[in-house]
Amino acid sequence: MSDQNVEEMTFEEAMRALEEVVGKLERGDVPLNDSIALYERGAALKARCEAKLKEAEEKVAKITLNDAGQPSGTAPLDGQ
């Protein structure tokens, strides 16, 4: 298991790490204390993936179009 800080992971890194955690838990060959730590890390990784997806959705929603209907930039996110 990587020691990389979950909050610093990209979506792809967090997703790979989450898949790794799920695989280990599904095999069932991890001691109970390690399973608990894996579950907690998995929950943090899931939250990171959800946050990164929400960021991406908000960016897509803010794409602006020019008069020809082509993307021309992005509008600032609310509150930023």
PDB file of N, CA and C in Angstrom:
ATOM      1  N   MET A   1       0.849  -1.172   0.000  1.00  0.00           N
ATOM      2  CA  MET A   1       0.000   0.000   0.000  1.00  0.00           C
ATOM      3  C   MET A   1       0.894   1.234   0.000  1.00  0.00           C
ATOM      4  N   SER A   2       0.559   2.156  -0.847  1.00  0.00           N
ATOM      5  CA  SER A   2       1.341   3.381  -0.978  1.00  0.00           C
ATOM      6  C   SER A   2       1.133   4.286   0.234  1.00  0.00           C
ATOM      7  N   ASP A   3       2.180   4.995   0.576  1.00  0.00           N
ATOM      8  CA  ASP A   3       2.081   5.948   1.675  1.00  0.00           C
ATOM      9  C   ASP A   3       1.750   7.345   1.172  1.00  0.00           C
ATOM     10  N   GLN A   4       1.491   7.475  -0.129  1.00  0.00           N
ATOM     11  CA  GLN A   4       1.207   8.785  -0.696  1.00  0.00           C
ATOM     12  C   GLN A   4      -0.043   9.376  -0.050  1.00  0.00           C
ATOM     13  N   ASN A   5       0.025  10.666   0.245  1.00  0.00           N
ATOM     14  CA  ASN A   5      -1.100  11.378   0.837  1.00  0.00           C
ATOM     15  C   ASN A   5      -2.271  11.390  -0.145  1.00  0.00           C
ATOM     16  N   VAL A   6      -3.408  10.936   0.302  1.00  0.00           N
ATOM     17  CA  VAL A   6      -4.603  10.842  -0.545  1.00  0.00           C
ATOM     18  C   VAL A   6      -4.967  12.209  -1.122  1.00  0.00           C
ATOM     19  N   GLU A   7      -4.841  13.263  -0.334  1.00  0.00           N
ATOM     20  CA  GLU A   7      -5.220  14.602  -0.788  1.00  0.00           C
ATOM     21  C   GLU A   7      -4.324  15.133  -1.902  1.00  0.00           C
ATOM     22  N   GLU A   8      -3.183  14.518  -2.118  1.00  0.00           N
ATOM     23  CA  GLU A   8      -2.266  14.954  -3.175  1.00  0.00           C
ATOM     24  C   GLU A   8      -2.409  14.124  -4.443  1.00  0.00           C
ATOM     25  N   MET A   9      -3.236  13.084  -4.404  1.00  0.00           N
ATOM     26  CA  MET A   9      -3.375  12.174  -5.544  1.00  0.00           C
ATOM     27  C   MET A   9      -4.244  12.768  -6.643  1.00  0.00           C
ATOM     28  N   THR A  10      -3.873  12.424  -7.873  1.00  0.00           N
ATOM     29  CA  THR A  10      -4.752  12.721  -8.995  1.00  0.00           C
ATOM     30  C   THR A  10      -5.919  11.738  -8.949  1.00  0.00           C
ATOM     31  N   PHE A  11      -6.921  11.981  -9.766  1.00  0.00           N
ATOM     32  CA  PHE A  11      -8.051  11.050  -9.829  1.00  0.00           C
ATOM     33  C   PHE A  11      -7.568   9.656 -10.197  1.00  0.00           C
ATOM     34  N   GLU A  12      -6.699   9.580 -11.205  1.00  0.00           N
ATOM     35  CA  GLU A  12      -6.225   8.281 -11.687  1.00  0.00           C
ATOM     36  C   GLU A  12      -5.419   7.538 -10.617  1.00  0.00           C
ATOM     37  N   GLU A  13      -4.579   8.255  -9.901  1.00  0.00           N
ATOM     38  CA  GLU A  13      -3.799   7.624  -8.830  1.00  0.00           C
ATOM     39  C   GLU A  13      -4.713   7.109  -7.728  1.00  0.00           C
ATOM     40  N   ALA A  14      -5.688   7.912  -7.351  1.00  0.00           N
ATOM     41  CA  ALA A  14      -6.620   7.508  -6.300  1.00  0.00           C
ATOM     42  C   ALA A  14      -7.454   6.309  -6.739  1.00  0.00           C
ATOM     43  N   MET A  15      -7.859   6.287  -7.988  1.00  0.00           N
ATOM     44  CA  MET A  15      -8.661   5.173  -8.489  1.00  0.00           C
ATOM     45  C   MET A  15      -7.847   3.869  -8.488  1.00  0.00           C
ATOM     46  N   ARG A  16      -6.591   3.953  -8.947  1.00  0.00           N
ATOM     47  CA  ARG A  16      -5.735   2.754  -8.928  1.00  0.00           C
ATOM     48  C   ARG A  16      -5.519   2.258  -7.503  1.00  0.00           C
ATOM     49  N   ALA A  17      -5.256   3.178  -6.588  1.00  0.00           N
ATOM     50  CA  ALA A  17      -5.040   2.797  -5.198  1.00  0.00           C
ATOM     51  C   ALA A  17      -6.311   2.193  -4.600  1.00  0.00           C
ATOM     52  N   LEU A  18      -7.461   2.742  -4.942  1.00  0.00           N
ATOM     53  CA  LEU A  18      -8.733   2.209  -4.448  1.00  0.00           C
ATOM     54  C   LEU A  18      -8.960   0.801  -4.984  1.00  0.00           C
ATOM     55  N   GLU A  19      -8.669   0.574  -6.252  1.00  0.00           N
ATOM     56  CA  GLU A  19      -8.808  -0.768  -6.829  1.00  0.00           C
ATOM     57  C   GLU A  19      -7.893  -1.760  -6.111  1.00  0.00           C
ATOM     58  N   GLU A  20      -6.698  -1.305  -5.757  1.00  0.00           N
ATOM     59  CA  GLU A  20      -5.756  -2.142  -5.027  1.00  0.00           C
ATOM     60  C   GLU A  20      -6.309  -2.506  -3.642  1.00  0.00           C
ATOM     61  N   VAL A  21      -6.853  -1.528  -2.946  1.00  0.00           N
ATOM     62  CA  VAL A  21      -7.432  -1.747  -1.622  1.00  0.00           C
ATOM     63  C   VAL A  21      -8.594  -2.730  -1.713  1.00  0.00           C
ATOM     64  N   VAL A  22      -9.482  -2.516  -2.666  1.00  0.00           N
ATOM     65  CA  VAL A  22     -10.642  -3.398  -2.824  1.00  0.00           C
ATOM     66  C   VAL A  22     -10.187  -4.828  -3.109  1.00  0.00           C
ATOM     67  N   GLY A  23      -9.192  -4.975  -3.975  1.00  0.00           N
ATOM     68  CA  GLY A  23      -8.675  -6.306  -4.288  1.00  0.00           C
ATOM     69  C   GLY A  23      -8.149  -7.020  -3.054  1.00  0.00           C
ATOM     70  N   LYS A  24      -7.396  -6.320  -2.234  1.00  0.00           N
ATOM     71  CA  LYS A  24      -6.853  -6.919  -1.016  1.00  0.00           C
ATOM     72  C   LYS A  24      -7.965  -7.316  -0.058  1.00  0.00           C
ATOM     73  N   LEU A  25      -8.967  -6.444   0.089  1.00  0.00           N
ATOM     74  CA  LEU A  25     -10.075  -6.751   0.993  1.00  0.00           C
ATOM     75  C   LEU A  25     -10.910  -7.916   0.465  1.00  0.00           C
ATOM     76  N   GLU A  26     -11.100  -7.991  -0.843  1.00  0.00           N
ATOM     77  CA  GLU A  26     -11.896  -9.075  -1.423  1.00  0.00           C
ATOM     78  C   GLU A  26     -11.219 -10.427  -1.261  1.00  0.00           C
ATOM     79  N   ARG A  27      -9.891 -10.451  -1.328  1.00  0.00           N
ATOM     80  CA  ARG A  27      -9.166 -11.720  -1.157  1.00  0.00           C
ATOM     81  C   ARG A  27      -9.353 -12.269   0.248  1.00  0.00           C
ATOM     82  N   GLY A  28      -9.506 -11.386   1.220  1.00  0.00           N
ATOM     83  CA  GLY A  28      -9.770 -11.812   2.581  1.00  0.00           C
ATOM     84  C   GLY A  28      -8.582 -12.410   3.311  1.00  0.00           C
ATOM     85  N   ASP A  29      -7.385 -12.205   2.785  1.00  0.00           N
ATOM     86  CA  ASP A  29      -6.204 -12.789   3.424  1.00  0.00           C
ATOM     87  C   ASP A  29      -5.406 -11.761   4.225  1.00  0.00           C
ATOM     88  N   VAL A  30      -6.084 -10.692   4.634  1.00  0.00           N
ATOM     89  CA  VAL A  30      -5.444  -9.611   5.380  1.00  0.00           C
ATOM     90  C   VAL A  30      -5.893  -9.706   6.836  1.00  0.00           C
ATOM     91  N   PRO A  31      -4.962  -9.593   7.790  1.00  0.00           N
ATOM     92  CA  PRO A  31      -5.358  -9.612   9.205  1.00  0.00           C
ATOM     93  C   PRO A  31      -6.378  -8.516   9.508  1.00  0.00           C
ATOM     94  N   LEU A  32      -7.159  -8.723  10.552  1.00  0.00           N
ATOM     95  CA  LEU A  32      -8.255  -7.814  10.901  1.00  0.00           C
ATOM     96  C   LEU A  32      -7.792  -6.368  11.049  1.00  0.00           C
ATOM     97  N   ASN A  33      -6.738  -6.117  11.803  1.00  0.00           N
ATOM     98  CA  ASN A  33      -6.275  -4.737  11.994  1.00  0.00           C
ATOM     99  C   ASN A  33      -5.874  -4.100  10.672  1.00  0.00           C
ATOM    100  N   ASP A  34      -5.227  -4.866   9.801  1.00  0.00           N
ATOM    101  CA  ASP A  34      -4.846  -4.353   8.485  1.00  0.00           C
ATOM    102  C   ASP A  34      -6.084  -4.107   7.628  1.00  0.00           C
ATOM    103  N   SER A  35      -7.084  -4.957   7.776  1.00  0.00           N
ATOM    104  CA  SER A  35      -8.337  -4.780   7.028  1.00  0.00           C
ATOM    105  C   SER A  35      -9.011  -3.472   7.411  1.00  0.00           C
ATOM    106  N   ILE A  36      -8.991  -3.164   8.700  1.00  0.00           N
ATOM    107  CA  ILE A  36      -9.601  -1.914   9.171  1.00  0.00           C
ATOM    108  C   ILE A  36      -8.858  -0.722   8.584  1.00  0.00           C
ATOM    109  N   ALA A  37      -7.530  -0.769   8.597  1.00  0.00           N
ATOM    110  CA  ALA A  37      -6.736   0.326   8.032  1.00  0.00           C
ATOM    111  C   ALA A  37      -6.976   0.445   6.534  1.00  0.00           C
ATOM    112  N   LEU A  38      -7.077  -0.703   5.850  1.00  0.00           N
ATOM    113  CA  LEU A  38      -7.355  -0.678   4.413  1.00  0.00           C
ATOM    114  C   LEU A  38      -8.728  -0.073   4.135  1.00  0.00           C
ATOM    115  N   TYR A  39      -9.710  -0.451   4.941  1.00  0.00           N
ATOM    116  CA  TYR A  39     -11.061   0.076   4.762  1.00  0.00           C
ATOM    117  C   TYR A  39     -11.067   1.598   4.934  1.00  0.00           C
ATOM    118  N   GLU A  40     -10.367   2.079   5.961  1.00  0.00           N
ATOM    119  CA  GLU A  40     -10.311   3.526   6.193  1.00  0.00           C
ATOM    120  C   GLU A  40      -9.629   4.243   5.037  1.00  0.00           C
ATOM    121  N   ARG A  41      -8.531   3.659   4.525  1.00  0.00           N
ATOM    122  CA  ARG A  41      -7.847   4.262   3.377  1.00  0.00           C
ATOM    123  C   ARG A  41      -8.759   4.222   2.156  1.00  0.00           C
ATOM    124  N   GLY A  42      -9.468   3.125   1.982  1.00  0.00           N
ATOM    125  CA  GLY A  42     -10.396   3.008   0.866  1.00  0.00           C
ATOM    126  C   GLY A  42     -11.482   4.076   0.915  1.00  0.00           C
ATOM    127  N   ALA A  43     -11.990   4.341   2.107  1.00  0.00           N
ATOM    128  CA  ALA A  43     -13.017   5.383   2.264  1.00  0.00           C
ATOM    129  C   ALA A  43     -12.446   6.750   1.884  1.00  0.00           C
ATOM    130  N   ALA A  44     -11.214   7.020   2.288  1.00  0.00           N
ATOM    131  CA  ALA A  44     -10.579   8.302   1.944  1.00  0.00           C
ATOM    132  C   ALA A  44     -10.329   8.388   0.437  1.00  0.00           C
ATOM    133  N   LEU A  45      -9.913   7.288  -0.164  1.00  0.00           N
ATOM    134  CA  LEU A  45      -9.673   7.267  -1.611  1.00  0.00           C
ATOM    135  C   LEU A  45     -10.973   7.473  -2.380  1.00  0.00           C
ATOM    136  N   LYS A  46     -12.042   6.845  -1.921  1.00  0.00           N
ATOM    137  CA  LYS A  46     -13.350   7.011  -2.565  1.00  0.00           C
ATOM    138  C   LYS A  46     -13.785   8.473  -2.502  1.00  0.00           C
ATOM    139  N   ALA A  47     -13.607   9.090  -1.340  1.00  0.00           N
ATOM    140  CA  ALA A  47     -13.973  10.506  -1.192  1.00  0.00           C
ATOM    141  C   ALA A  47     -13.134  11.379  -2.128  1.00  0.00           C
ATOM    142  N   ARG A  48     -11.859  11.071  -2.270  1.00  0.00           N
ATOM    143  CA  ARG A  48     -10.978  11.840  -3.175  1.00  0.00           C
ATOM    144  C   ARG A  48     -11.461  11.699  -4.615  1.00  0.00           C
ATOM    145  N   CYS A  49     -11.778  10.483  -5.030  1.00  0.00           N
ATOM    146  CA  CYS A  49     -12.269  10.274  -6.396  1.00  0.00           C
ATOM    147  C   CYS A  49     -13.556  11.053  -6.638  1.00  0.00           C
ATOM    148  N   GLU A  50     -14.464  11.010  -5.670  1.00  0.00           N
ATOM    149  CA  GLU A  50     -15.722  11.742  -5.809  1.00  0.00           C
ATOM    150  C   GLU A  50     -15.479  13.248  -5.907  1.00  0.00           C
ATOM    151  N   ALA A  51     -14.551  13.766  -5.110  1.00  0.00           N
ATOM    152  CA  ALA A  51     -14.249  15.198  -5.143  1.00  0.00           C
ATOM    153  C   ALA A  51     -13.646  15.601  -6.484  1.00  0.00           C
ATOM    154  N   LYS A  52     -12.731  14.790  -7.001  1.00  0.00           N
ATOM    155  CA  LYS A  52     -12.105  15.105  -8.289  1.00  0.00           C
ATOM    156  C   LYS A  52     -13.136  15.032  -9.420  1.00  0.00           C
ATOM    157  N   LEU A  53     -14.055  14.075  -9.362  1.00  0.00           N
ATOM    158  CA  LEU A  53     -15.108  13.994 -10.375  1.00  0.00           C
ATOM    159  C   LEU A  53     -16.019  15.211 -10.312  1.00  0.00           C
ATOM    160  N   LYS A  54     -16.340  15.647  -9.100  1.00  0.00           N
ATOM    161  CA  LYS A  54     -17.192  16.836  -8.950  1.00  0.00           C
ATOM    162  C   LYS A  54     -16.497  18.064  -9.533  1.00  0.00           C
ATOM    163  N   GLU A  55     -15.190  18.204  -9.270  1.00  0.00           N
ATOM    164  CA  GLU A  55     -14.422  19.315  -9.841  1.00  0.00           C
ATOM    165  C   GLU A  55     -14.503  19.297 -11.366  1.00  0.00           C
ATOM    166  N   ALA A  56     -14.321  18.110 -11.935  1.00  0.00           N
ATOM    167  CA  ALA A  56     -14.356  17.986 -13.390  1.00  0.00           C
ATOM    168  C   ALA A  56     -15.740  18.336 -13.932  1.00  0.00           C
ATOM    169  N   GLU A  57     -16.787  17.862 -13.272  1.00  0.00           N
ATOM    170  CA  GLU A  57     -18.151  18.170 -13.706  1.00  0.00           C
ATOM    171  C   GLU A  57     -18.405  19.674 -13.667  1.00  0.00           C
ATOM    172  N   GLU A  58     -17.923  20.336 -12.630  1.00  0.00           N
ATOM    173  CA  GLU A  58     -18.121  21.779 -12.513  1.00  0.00           C
ATOM    174  C   GLU A  58     -17.373  22.523 -13.617  1.00  0.00           C
ATOM    175  N   LYS A  59     -16.174  22.062 -13.953  1.00  0.00           N
ATOM    176  CA  LYS A  59     -15.411  22.702 -15.024  1.00  0.00           C
ATOM    177  C   LYS A  59     -16.118  22.531 -16.363  1.00  0.00           C
ATOM    178  N   VAL A  60     -16.629  21.334 -16.614  1.00  0.00           N
ATOM    179  CA  VAL A  60     -17.346  21.089 -17.872  1.00  0.00           C
ATOM    180  C   VAL A  60     -18.594  21.961 -17.943  1.00  0.00           C
ATOM    181  N   ALA A  61     -19.283  22.097 -16.823  1.00  0.00           N
ATOM    182  CA  ALA A  61     -20.501  22.912 -16.793  1.00  0.00           C
ATOM    183  C   ALA A  61     -20.199  24.378 -17.051  1.00  0.00           C
ATOM    184  N   LYS A  62     -18.971  24.820 -16.815  1.00  0.00           N
ATOM    185  CA  LYS A  62     -18.608  26.221 -16.974  1.00  0.00           C
ATOM    186  C   LYS A  62     -17.969  26.540 -18.325  1.00  0.00           C
ATOM    187  N   ILE A  63     -17.879  25.549 -19.207  1.00  0.00           N
ATOM    188  CA  ILE A  63     -17.299  25.817 -20.526  1.00  0.00           C
ATOM    189  C   ILE A  63     -18.214  26.782 -21.270  1.00  0.00           C
ATOM    190  N   THR A  64     -17.626  27.822 -21.838  1.00  0.00           N
ATOM    191  CA  THR A  64     -18.413  28.803 -22.583  1.00  0.00           C
ATOM    192  C   THR A  64     -18.273  28.537 -24.080  1.00  0.00           C
ATOM    193  N   LEU A  65     -19.311  28.872 -24.812  1.00  0.00           N
ATOM    194  CA  LEU A  65     -19.321  28.683 -26.261  1.00  0.00           C
ATOM    195  C   LEU A  65     -19.352  30.038 -26.950  1.00  0.00           C
ATOM    196  N   ASN A  66     -18.721  30.104 -28.125  1.00  0.00           N
ATOM    197  CA  ASN A  66     -18.766  31.348 -28.897  1.00  0.00           C
ATOM    198  C   ASN A  66     -20.034  31.350 -29.755  1.00  0.00           C
ATOM    199  N   ASP A  67     -20.193  32.364 -30.607  1.00  0.00           N
ATOM    200  CA  ASP A  67     -21.404  32.482 -31.428  1.00  0.00           C
ATOM    201  C   ASP A  67     -21.585  31.309 -32.384  1.00  0.00           C
ATOM    202  N   ALA A  68     -20.486  30.649 -32.752  1.00  0.00           N
ATOM    203  CA  ALA A  68     -20.563  29.500 -33.653  1.00  0.00           C
ATOM    204  C   ALA A  68     -20.812  28.198 -32.897  1.00  0.00           C
ATOM    205  N   GLY A  69     -20.941  28.294 -31.593  1.00  0.00           N
ATOM    206  CA  GLY A  69     -21.197  27.097 -30.798  1.00  0.00           C
ATOM    207  C   GLY A  69     -19.947  26.310 -30.451  1.00  0.00           C
ATOM    208  N   GLN A  70     -18.788  26.897 -30.679  1.00  0.00           N
ATOM    209  CA  GLN A  70     -17.523  26.236 -30.373  1.00  0.00           C
ATOM    210  C   GLN A  70     -17.035  26.652 -28.987  1.00  0.00           C
ATOM    211  N   PRO A  71     -16.394  25.727 -28.270  1.00  0.00           N
ATOM    212  CA  PRO A  71     -15.852  26.102 -26.954  1.00  0.00           C
ATOM    213  C   PRO A  71     -14.858  27.251 -27.104  1.00  0.00           C
ATOM    214  N   SER A  72     -14.991  28.262 -26.251  1.00  0.00           N
ATOM    215  CA  SER A  72     -14.112  29.416 -26.358  1.00  0.00           C
ATOM    216  C   SER A  72     -13.397  29.720 -25.047  1.00  0.00           C
ATOM    217  N   GLY A  73     -13.619  28.944 -24.051  1.00  0.00           N
ATOM    218  CA  GLY A  73     -12.986  29.169 -22.762  1.00  0.00           C
ATOM    219  C   GLY A  73     -13.893  28.669 -21.657  1.00  0.00           C
ATOM    220  N   THR A  74     -13.589  29.108 -20.478  1.00  0.00           N
ATOM    221  CA  THR A  74     -14.422  28.704 -19.339  1.00  0.00           C
ATOM    222  C   THR A  74     -14.815  29.950 -18.561  1.00  0.00           C
ATOM    223  N   ALA A  75     -15.979  29.846 -17.949  1.00  0.00           N
ATOM    224  CA  ALA A  75     -16.428  30.901 -17.058  1.00  0.00           C
ATOM    225  C   ALA A  75     -15.850  30.598 -15.679  1.00  0.00           C
ATOM    226  N   PRO A  76     -15.570  31.590 -14.885  1.00  0.00           N
ATOM    227  CA  PRO A  76     -15.033  31.333 -13.547  1.00  0.00           C
ATOM    228  C   PRO A  76     -16.027  30.544 -12.705  1.00  0.00           C
ATOM    229  N   LEU A  77     -15.516  29.632 -11.876  1.00  0.00           N
ATOM    230  CA  LEU A  77     -16.380  28.904 -10.975  1.00  0.00           C
ATOM    231  C   LEU A  77     -16.936  29.868  -9.937  1.00  0.00           C
ATOM    232  N   ASP A  78     -18.142  29.618  -9.486  1.00  0.00           N
ATOM    233  CA  ASP A  78     -18.755  30.477  -8.480  1.00  0.00           C
ATOM    234  C   ASP A  78     -17.875  30.537  -7.233  1.00  0.00           C
ATOM    235  N   GLY A  79     -17.704  31.716  -6.698  1.00  0.00           N
ATOM    236  CA  GLY A  79     -16.958  31.886  -5.471  1.00  0.00           C
ATOM    237  C   GLY A  79     -15.449  31.886  -5.659  1.00  0.00           C
ATOM    238  N   GLN A  80     -14.978  31.906  -6.901  1.00  0.00           N
ATOM    239  CA  GLN A  80     -13.527  31.899  -7.110  1.00  0.00           C
ATOM    240  C   GLN A  80     -13.106  33.055  -7.960  1.00  0.00           C
TER     241      GLN A  80
END
